[in-house]
Amino acid sequence: MDEQEIEIDALVEYPTLVAVSRFTKLIPRTDWFRYVGEPLDGEVQQKARAYLDALGFPEATPAQVDDWQEAGHTLETNDWNSSFWEVEQQLMAALTIEVTDNIDPQLLEMVLANVTSVASEYVGEGVLIAADRWDMEDEDLMKAAIGEGVQACYQAALVIAAGVDDDHPFKLKYQLFETGWWPLGVMGTTFNIF
């Protein structure tokens, strides 16, 4: 029995990891950063509203960020100690504990590493295409965009591995990326989306 067969047998024992494997195959089909800078359409507004409600920020309002420069400024002025970031960190910690209580941590790490690897490639391609469309050459900003897209994939995979409902904030956040925009975060009562 080779290593791949062992991995497949191990995944079968954990149906949620099979679902993560299926999710990973969808990552290349996503229009990463395709619509950055364009007016927010009804679908992204609706998904943003669902995400904010699930996260516990119903008073926040989605707002369009117009260009890469404004996106960079928004990232620079984000308060990383804000209640928004604290809620995301608490959700991440809770999910990690829940998943590792039910799934072999080494197997989980292997599956999530695969998600991250696939996401890095395809999110990176999407960022490069979007930056080229805008003649944007700020490498730090491109790295930030790639990092946030990859993190959204990782978080969504963690939700799937935990077997949590589809209305989990991280699943909804991934859906925002899936629509082709870049959710930058909540500042005060504004949810900035590029």
C-alpha atoms as a PDB file:
ATOM      1  CA  MET A   1       0.000   0.000   0.000  1.00  0.00           C
ATOM      2  CA  ASP A   2       1.569   3.303  -1.046  1.00  0.00           C
ATOM      3  CA  GLU A   3       1.426   6.628   0.798  1.00  0.00           C
ATOM      4  CA  GLN A   4      -1.376   7.985  -1.412  1.00  0.00           C
ATOM      5  CA  GLU A   5      -3.587   4.953  -0.662  1.00  0.00           C
ATOM      6  CA  ILE A   6      -2.940   5.399   3.058  1.00  0.00           C
ATOM      7  CA  GLU A   7      -3.915   9.072   2.777  1.00  0.00           C
ATOM      8  CA  ILE A   8      -7.116   8.186   0.889  1.00  0.00           C
ATOM      9  CA  ASP A   9      -7.994   5.514   3.475  1.00  0.00           C
ATOM     10  CA  ALA A  10      -7.348   8.013   6.270  1.00  0.00           C
ATOM     11  CA  LEU A  11      -9.574  10.611   4.616  1.00  0.00           C
ATOM     12  CA  VAL A  12     -12.428   8.117   4.269  1.00  0.00           C
ATOM     13  CA  GLU A  13     -12.451   7.804   8.056  1.00  0.00           C
ATOM     14  CA  TYR A  14     -13.140  11.542   8.232  1.00  0.00           C
ATOM     15  CA  PRO A  15     -15.974  12.548   5.873  1.00  0.00           C
ATOM     16  CA  THR A  16     -15.418  16.243   6.563  1.00  0.00           C
ATOM     17  CA  LEU A  17     -11.865  15.940   5.231  1.00  0.00           C
ATOM     18  CA  VAL A  18     -13.246  14.408   2.040  1.00  0.00           C
ATOM     19  CA  ALA A  19     -15.414  17.545   1.801  1.00  0.00           C
ATOM     20  CA  VAL A  20     -12.286  19.702   2.307  1.00  0.00           C
ATOM     21  CA  SER A  21     -10.621  17.828  -0.543  1.00  0.00           C
ATOM     22  CA  ARG A  22     -13.608  18.635  -2.784  1.00  0.00           C
ATOM     23  CA  PHE A  23     -13.466  22.273  -1.683  1.00  0.00           C
ATOM     24  CA  THR A  24      -9.789  22.433  -2.652  1.00  0.00           C
ATOM     25  CA  LYS A  25     -10.737  21.476  -6.209  1.00  0.00           C
ATOM     26  CA  LEU A  26     -13.014  24.529  -6.396  1.00  0.00           C
ATOM     27  CA  ILE A  27     -10.259  27.023  -5.538  1.00  0.00           C
ATOM     28  CA  PRO A  28      -8.866  27.133  -9.125  1.00  0.00           C
ATOM     29  CA  ARG A  29     -12.362  27.902 -10.453  1.00  0.00           C
ATOM     30  CA  THR A  30     -12.729  31.071  -8.380  1.00  0.00           C
ATOM     31  CA  ASP A  31     -12.399  34.485 -10.046  1.00  0.00           C
ATOM     32  CA  TRP A  32      -9.894  35.749  -7.491  1.00  0.00           C
ATOM     33  CA  PHE A  33      -9.890  39.576  -7.342  1.00  0.00           C
ATOM     34  CA  ARG A  34     -11.691  39.756 -10.703  1.00  0.00           C
ATOM     35  CA  TYR A  35     -13.980  42.653  -9.741  1.00  0.00           C
ATOM     36  CA  VAL A  36     -11.783  44.709  -7.397  1.00  0.00           C
ATOM     37  CA  GLY A  37     -12.529  48.398  -7.749  1.00  0.00           C
ATOM     38  CA  GLU A  38     -15.824  47.882  -9.551  1.00  0.00           C
ATOM     39  CA  PRO A  39     -19.133  48.993  -8.013  1.00  0.00           C
ATOM     40  CA  LEU A  40     -20.427  46.499  -5.462  1.00  0.00           C
ATOM     41  CA  ASP A  41     -23.304  44.594  -7.012  1.00  0.00           C
ATOM     42  CA  GLY A  42     -26.375  43.251  -5.231  1.00  0.00           C
ATOM     43  CA  GLU A  43     -24.898  39.782  -4.740  1.00  0.00           C
ATOM     44  CA  VAL A  44     -21.783  41.010  -2.949  1.00  0.00           C
ATOM     45  CA  GLN A  45     -23.875  43.438  -0.865  1.00  0.00           C
ATOM     46  CA  GLN A  46     -26.125  40.556   0.186  1.00  0.00           C
ATOM     47  CA  LYS A  47     -23.169  38.299   1.025  1.00  0.00           C
ATOM     48  CA  ALA A  48     -21.483  41.120   2.943  1.00  0.00           C
ATOM     49  CA  ARG A  49     -24.643  41.671   4.958  1.00  0.00           C
ATOM     50  CA  ALA A  50     -24.895  37.934   5.773  1.00  0.00           C
ATOM     51  CA  TYR A  51     -21.225  37.880   6.819  1.00  0.00           C
ATOM     52  CA  LEU A  52     -21.585  40.944   9.049  1.00  0.00           C
ATOM     53  CA  ASP A  53     -24.733  39.561  10.698  1.00  0.00           C
ATOM     54  CA  ALA A  54     -23.113  36.161  11.343  1.00  0.00           C
ATOM     55  CA  LEU A  55     -19.998  37.840  12.725  1.00  0.00           C
ATOM     56  CA  GLY A  56     -22.059  39.961  15.106  1.00  0.00           C
ATOM     57  CA  PHE A  57     -21.694  43.344  13.375  1.00  0.00           C
ATOM     58  CA  PRO A  58     -25.208  44.059  12.064  1.00  0.00           C
ATOM     59  CA  GLU A  59     -24.670  47.826  12.400  1.00  0.00           C
ATOM     60  CA  ALA A  60     -21.738  47.805   9.953  1.00  0.00           C
ATOM     61  CA  THR A  61     -22.345  48.914   6.367  1.00  0.00           C
ATOM     62  CA  PRO A  62     -20.538  47.563   3.288  1.00  0.00           C
ATOM     63  CA  ALA A  63     -18.553  50.291   1.537  1.00  0.00           C
ATOM     64  CA  GLN A  64     -16.726  50.215  -1.761  1.00  0.00           C
ATOM     65  CA  VAL A  65     -12.985  50.837  -1.897  1.00  0.00           C
ATOM     66  CA  ASP A  66     -12.215  52.317  -5.314  1.00  0.00           C
ATOM     67  CA  ASP A  67      -8.609  51.445  -6.085  1.00  0.00           C
ATOM     68  CA  TRP A  68      -5.459  49.657  -4.915  1.00  0.00           C
ATOM     69  CA  GLN A  69      -4.060  52.797  -3.281  1.00  0.00           C
ATOM     70  CA  GLU A  70      -7.184  53.180  -1.150  1.00  0.00           C
ATOM     71  CA  ALA A  71      -7.094  49.440  -0.366  1.00  0.00           C
ATOM     72  CA  GLY A  72      -3.500  49.802   0.824  1.00  0.00           C
ATOM     73  CA  HIS A  73      -4.392  52.828   2.934  1.00  0.00           C
ATOM     74  CA  THR A  74      -7.319  50.909   4.439  1.00  0.00           C
ATOM     75  CA  LEU A  75      -5.041  48.018   5.397  1.00  0.00           C
ATOM     76  CA  GLU A  76      -2.501  50.392   6.932  1.00  0.00           C
ATOM     77  CA  THR A  77      -5.123  52.108   9.073  1.00  0.00           C
ATOM     78  CA  ASN A  78      -6.940  48.952  10.195  1.00  0.00           C
ATOM     79  CA  ASP A  79      -6.988  48.607  13.971  1.00  0.00           C
ATOM     80  CA  TRP A  80      -5.652  45.081  14.494  1.00  0.00           C
ATOM     81  CA  ASN A  81      -6.915  45.175  18.083  1.00  0.00           C
ATOM     82  CA  SER A  82     -10.463  46.070  17.090  1.00  0.00           C
ATOM     83  CA  SER A  83     -13.434  43.980  18.114  1.00  0.00           C
ATOM     84  CA  PHE A  84     -13.718  42.796  14.484  1.00  0.00           C
ATOM     85  CA  TRP A  85     -10.247  41.233  14.497  1.00  0.00           C
ATOM     86  CA  GLU A  86     -10.737  39.879  18.014  1.00  0.00           C
ATOM     87  CA  VAL A  87     -13.945  38.113  16.950  1.00  0.00           C
ATOM     88  CA  GLU A  88     -12.167  36.553  13.959  1.00  0.00           C
ATOM     89  CA  GLN A  89      -9.292  35.372  16.190  1.00  0.00           C
ATOM     90  CA  GLN A  90     -11.727  33.881  18.717  1.00  0.00           C
ATOM     91  CA  LEU A  91     -13.604  32.070  15.948  1.00  0.00           C
ATOM     92  CA  MET A  92     -10.327  30.705  14.584  1.00  0.00           C
ATOM     93  CA  ALA A  93      -9.225  29.443  18.004  1.00  0.00           C
ATOM     94  CA  ALA A  94     -12.602  27.814  18.700  1.00  0.00           C
ATOM     95  CA  LEU A  95     -12.654  26.087  15.304  1.00  0.00           C
ATOM     96  CA  THR A  96      -9.113  24.814  15.721  1.00  0.00           C
ATOM     97  CA  ILE A  97      -9.938  23.279  19.102  1.00  0.00           C
ATOM     98  CA  GLU A  98     -13.149  21.737  17.774  1.00  0.00           C
ATOM     99  CA  VAL A  99     -11.460  20.212  14.745  1.00  0.00           C
ATOM    100  CA  THR A 100      -8.397  18.846  16.553  1.00  0.00           C
ATOM    101  CA  ASP A 101     -10.640  17.205  19.148  1.00  0.00           C
ATOM    102  CA  ASN A 102     -12.225  15.107  16.397  1.00  0.00           C
ATOM    103  CA  ILE A 103      -9.562  14.697  13.706  1.00  0.00           C
ATOM    104  CA  ASP A 104      -5.982  13.456  13.909  1.00  0.00           C
ATOM    105  CA  PRO A 105      -3.980  16.729  14.053  1.00  0.00           C
ATOM    106  CA  GLN A 106      -1.254  15.434  11.694  1.00  0.00           C
ATOM    107  CA  LEU A 107      -3.787  14.405   9.073  1.00  0.00           C
ATOM    108  CA  LEU A 108      -5.595  17.727   9.456  1.00  0.00           C
ATOM    109  CA  GLU A 109      -2.303  19.589   9.066  1.00  0.00           C
ATOM    110  CA  MET A 110      -1.547  17.672   5.863  1.00  0.00           C
ATOM    111  CA  VAL A 111      -4.988  18.423   4.391  1.00  0.00           C
ATOM    112  CA  LEU A 112      -4.837  22.123   5.323  1.00  0.00           C
ATOM    113  CA  ALA A 113      -1.293  22.397   3.941  1.00  0.00           C
ATOM    114  CA  ASN A 114      -2.655  21.139   0.625  1.00  0.00           C
ATOM    115  CA  VAL A 115      -5.423  23.763   0.730  1.00  0.00           C
ATOM    116  CA  THR A 116      -2.847  26.475   1.420  1.00  0.00           C
ATOM    117  CA  SER A 117      -0.587  25.262  -1.382  1.00  0.00           C
ATOM    118  CA  VAL A 118      -3.370  25.215  -3.973  1.00  0.00           C
ATOM    119  CA  ALA A 119      -4.738  28.544  -2.741  1.00  0.00           C
ATOM    120  CA  SER A 120      -1.319  30.214  -2.888  1.00  0.00           C
ATOM    121  CA  GLU A 121      -0.970  29.330  -6.554  1.00  0.00           C
ATOM    122  CA  TYR A 122      -4.425  30.348  -7.748  1.00  0.00           C
ATOM    123  CA  VAL A 123      -4.978  33.328  -5.467  1.00  0.00           C
ATOM    124  CA  GLY A 124      -1.520  34.548  -6.494  1.00  0.00           C
ATOM    125  CA  GLU A 125      -2.432  34.267 -10.169  1.00  0.00           C
ATOM    126  CA  GLY A 126      -5.656  36.201  -9.554  1.00  0.00           C
ATOM    127  CA  VAL A 127      -3.829  38.987  -7.741  1.00  0.00           C
ATOM    128  CA  LEU A 128      -1.218  39.272 -10.499  1.00  0.00           C
ATOM    129  CA  ILE A 129      -3.914  39.487 -13.175  1.00  0.00           C
ATOM    130  CA  ALA A 130      -5.853  42.121 -11.198  1.00  0.00           C
ATOM    131  CA  ALA A 131      -2.702  44.139 -10.453  1.00  0.00           C
ATOM    132  CA  ASP A 132      -1.724  44.011 -14.129  1.00  0.00           C
ATOM    133  CA  ARG A 133      -5.179  45.260 -15.147  1.00  0.00           C
ATOM    134  CA  TRP A 134      -4.639  48.264 -12.865  1.00  0.00           C
ATOM    135  CA  ASP A 135      -0.924  48.728 -13.652  1.00  0.00           C
ATOM    136  CA  MET A 136      -0.324  48.271  -9.932  1.00  0.00           C
ATOM    137  CA  GLU A 137       3.211  47.268  -8.953  1.00  0.00           C
ATOM    138  CA  ASP A 138       3.187  47.476  -5.134  1.00  0.00           C
ATOM    139  CA  GLU A 139       4.596  44.052  -4.184  1.00  0.00           C
ATOM    140  CA  ASP A 140       3.748  44.443  -0.496  1.00  0.00           C
ATOM    141  CA  LEU A 141       0.127  45.140  -1.334  1.00  0.00           C
ATOM    142  CA  MET A 142       0.025  42.167  -3.711  1.00  0.00           C
ATOM    143  CA  LYS A 143       1.474  39.957  -0.947  1.00  0.00           C
ATOM    144  CA  ALA A 144      -1.171  41.241   1.460  1.00  0.00           C
ATOM    145  CA  ALA A 145      -3.938  40.434  -1.036  1.00  0.00           C
ATOM    146  CA  ILE A 146      -2.557  36.944  -1.633  1.00  0.00           C
ATOM    147  CA  GLY A 147      -2.174  36.373   2.104  1.00  0.00           C
ATOM    148  CA  GLU A 148      -5.753  37.352   2.836  1.00  0.00           C
ATOM    149  CA  GLY A 149      -7.128  35.234  -0.002  1.00  0.00           C
ATOM    150  CA  VAL A 150      -5.130  32.197   1.152  1.00  0.00           C
ATOM    151  CA  GLN A 151      -6.239  32.789   4.731  1.00  0.00           C
ATOM    152  CA  ALA A 152      -9.888  32.884   3.612  1.00  0.00           C
ATOM    153  CA  CYS A 153      -9.396  29.486   1.936  1.00  0.00           C
ATOM    154  CA  TYR A 154      -7.739  28.094   5.062  1.00  0.00           C
ATOM    155  CA  GLN A 155     -10.536  29.398   7.280  1.00  0.00           C
ATOM    156  CA  ALA A 156     -13.241  28.010   4.991  1.00  0.00           C
ATOM    157  CA  ALA A 157     -11.462  24.635   4.927  1.00  0.00           C
ATOM    158  CA  LEU A 158     -11.325  24.641   8.722  1.00  0.00           C
ATOM    159  CA  VAL A 159     -15.081  25.277   8.840  1.00  0.00           C
ATOM    160  CA  ILE A 160     -15.674  22.377   6.452  1.00  0.00           C
ATOM    161  CA  ALA A 161     -13.347  20.099   8.452  1.00  0.00           C
ATOM    162  CA  ALA A 162     -15.281  20.954  11.607  1.00  0.00           C
ATOM    163  CA  GLY A 163     -18.556  20.084   9.891  1.00  0.00           C
ATOM    164  CA  VAL A 164     -19.984  23.470  10.865  1.00  0.00           C
ATOM    165  CA  ASP A 165     -23.045  24.984   9.173  1.00  0.00           C
ATOM    166  CA  ASP A 166     -22.735  26.969   5.957  1.00  0.00           C
ATOM    167  CA  ASP A 167     -23.699  30.173   7.769  1.00  0.00           C
ATOM    168  CA  HIS A 168     -20.403  30.270   9.677  1.00  0.00           C
ATOM    169  CA  PRO A 169     -18.728  33.677   9.228  1.00  0.00           C
ATOM    170  CA  PHE A 170     -15.610  32.171   7.654  1.00  0.00           C
ATOM    171  CA  LYS A 171     -17.634  30.357   5.018  1.00  0.00           C
ATOM    172  CA  LEU A 172     -19.472  33.597   4.270  1.00  0.00           C
ATOM    173  CA  LYS A 173     -16.178  35.509   4.113  1.00  0.00           C
ATOM    174  CA  TYR A 174     -14.865  33.016   1.569  1.00  0.00           C
ATOM    175  CA  GLN A 175     -18.004  33.568  -0.501  1.00  0.00           C
ATOM    176  CA  LEU A 176     -17.128  37.273  -0.678  1.00  0.00           C
ATOM    177  CA  PHE A 177     -13.751  36.401  -2.167  1.00  0.00           C
ATOM    178  CA  GLU A 178     -15.523  33.932  -4.439  1.00  0.00           C
ATOM    179  CA  THR A 179     -17.566  36.766  -5.945  1.00  0.00           C
ATOM    180  CA  GLY A 180     -14.322  38.406  -7.121  1.00  0.00           C
ATOM    181  CA  TRP A 181     -13.958  41.209  -4.556  1.00  0.00           C
ATOM    182  CA  TRP A 182     -11.562  41.642  -1.631  1.00  0.00           C
ATOM    183  CA  PRO A 183     -13.152  42.096   1.822  1.00  0.00           C
ATOM    184  CA  LEU A 184     -10.688  44.294   3.703  1.00  0.00           C
ATOM    185  CA  GLY A 185     -12.343  44.313   7.113  1.00  0.00           C
ATOM    186  CA  VAL A 186     -14.497  46.382   9.421  1.00  0.00           C
ATOM    187  CA  MET A 187     -13.344  49.791  10.626  1.00  0.00           C
ATOM    188  CA  GLY A 188     -15.823  51.336  13.037  1.00  0.00           C
ATOM    189  CA  THR A 189     -19.156  50.736  11.346  1.00  0.00           C
ATOM    190  CA  THR A 190     -17.754  50.444   7.804  1.00  0.00           C
ATOM    191  CA  PHE A 191     -17.026  47.137   6.105  1.00  0.00           C
ATOM    192  CA  ASN A 192     -14.510  48.008   3.413  1.00  0.00           C
ATOM    193  CA  ILE A 193     -14.617  45.913   0.244  1.00  0.00           C
ATOM    194  CA  PHE A 194     -12.305  46.407  -2.711  1.00  0.00           C
END
